[in-house]
Amino acid sequence: MAKTQQKKEKPSQKKTGDKLTEETAVPAVVEATLGRGGTRGEITQVKCRILQGRNMGKSIRRNVRGPIAKRDILMLRETEIEARRIGKRVRRSS
């Protein structure tokens, strides 16, 4: 009887987006608070300027949960996606 040999799999290399580490997070400084969102107002929309990385110097809107103030430093996992604007509510009369 021939025994089947199973090849040992090599450990896969970690991708950069798999886990959040200090190396993958990018610092950004809060420039202004734009408004509150969420059903209970628990989300604050802020405008922040990215301090390092590929998008350094870019100013983007982000949604933040928890206490936040001007000149705070945020550590962003990604810097490509921007939050939607908190717009005016359109009220339709019937």
Protein backbone atom coordinates (compact mmCIF):
# COMPACT_ATOMS: atom_id res chain seq x y z
CA MET A 1 0.00 0.00 0.00
CA ALA A 2 1.30 3.38 -0.96
CA LYS A 3 0.99 6.10 1.60
CA THR A 4 -0.17 9.44 0.31
CA GLN A 5 2.08 12.25 1.26
CA GLN A 6 0.60 15.57 2.11
CA LYS A 7 2.64 18.59 1.28
CA LYS A 8 3.13 20.97 4.13
CA GLU A 9 1.76 24.36 3.31
CA LYS A 10 4.10 27.25 3.77
CA PRO A 11 2.79 29.90 6.12
CA SER A 12 1.17 32.59 4.04
CA GLN A 13 2.69 36.01 4.12
CA LYS A 14 0.65 38.61 5.93
CA LYS A 15 -1.07 41.15 3.77
CA THR A 16 -0.81 44.79 4.76
CA GLY A 17 -4.57 45.25 5.19
CA ASP A 18 -5.24 42.18 7.36
CA LYS A 19 -4.47 43.53 10.82
CA LEU A 20 -4.30 47.01 12.23
CA THR A 21 -0.88 47.77 13.55
CA GLU A 22 0.86 51.01 14.29
CA GLU A 23 2.75 50.60 11.02
CA THR A 24 -0.38 50.60 8.88
CA ALA A 25 -2.26 53.38 10.70
CA VAL A 26 -1.74 56.90 9.38
CA PRO A 27 -1.89 59.96 11.67
CA ALA A 28 -4.20 62.88 10.85
CA VAL A 29 -4.84 66.10 12.75
CA VAL A 30 -8.39 67.40 13.27
CA GLU A 31 -8.85 70.82 11.68
CA ALA A 32 -12.56 71.42 12.35
CA THR A 33 -15.75 69.73 13.51
CA LEU A 34 -18.46 69.89 10.85
CA GLY A 35 -21.51 68.48 12.59
CA ARG A 36 -23.19 65.65 14.46
CA GLY A 37 -24.74 62.57 12.93
CA GLY A 38 -26.26 59.23 13.82
CA THR A 39 -29.70 58.57 15.21
CA ARG A 40 -28.75 59.93 18.62
CA GLY A 41 -26.02 62.36 17.58
CA GLU A 42 -23.23 60.05 18.71
CA ILE A 43 -21.15 60.54 15.54
CA THR A 44 -19.12 63.70 14.92
CA GLN A 45 -18.04 64.56 11.41
CA VAL A 46 -14.62 66.21 11.32
CA LYS A 47 -12.30 67.63 8.69
CA CYS A 48 -8.75 66.32 9.14
CA ARG A 49 -5.41 66.75 7.38
CA ILE A 50 -3.29 63.63 6.78
CA LEU A 51 0.22 63.94 8.21
CA GLN A 52 2.05 60.94 6.68
CA GLY A 53 1.83 58.41 3.90
CA ARG A 54 0.81 58.50 0.29
CA ASN A 55 -1.95 61.09 0.79
CA MET A 56 0.11 63.40 2.99
CA GLY A 57 -1.31 66.95 3.08
CA LYS A 58 -4.74 65.86 1.82
CA SER A 59 -7.74 67.18 3.78
CA ILE A 60 -10.68 64.77 4.14
CA ARG A 61 -13.95 64.39 6.07
CA ARG A 62 -14.25 61.49 8.50
CA ASN A 63 -16.87 60.28 10.96
CA VAL A 64 -15.61 59.85 14.53
CA ARG A 65 -17.30 58.21 17.46
CA GLY A 66 -16.49 59.48 20.92
CA PRO A 67 -15.08 62.71 22.28
CA ILE A 68 -13.05 64.71 19.74
CA ALA A 69 -11.68 68.24 19.66
CA LYS A 70 -9.73 70.50 17.34
CA ARG A 71 -6.00 69.63 17.01
CA ASP A 72 -6.55 66.02 18.20
CA ILE A 73 -4.61 63.30 16.37
CA LEU A 74 -6.58 60.49 14.71
CA MET A 75 -4.97 57.24 13.59
CA LEU A 76 -6.68 56.28 10.32
CA ARG A 77 -6.66 52.74 8.95
CA GLU A 78 -7.20 53.99 5.43
CA THR A 79 -7.07 57.40 3.78
CA GLU A 80 -8.79 56.75 0.45
CA ILE A 81 -12.47 56.84 1.43
CA GLU A 82 -14.10 60.08 2.54
CA ALA A 83 -17.31 60.35 4.60
CA ARG A 84 -20.48 61.67 2.99
CA ARG A 85 -21.45 65.21 3.84
CA ILE A 86 -24.00 65.80 6.53
CA GLY A 87 -26.59 67.49 4.36
CA LYS A 88 -29.78 69.37 4.82
CA ARG A 89 -32.78 67.21 5.43
CA VAL A 90 -35.29 67.40 2.61
CA ARG A 91 -38.79 67.51 4.02
CA ARG A 92 -41.60 66.66 1.67
CA SER A 93 -45.03 67.89 2.48
CA SER A 94 -47.97 65.70 1.61
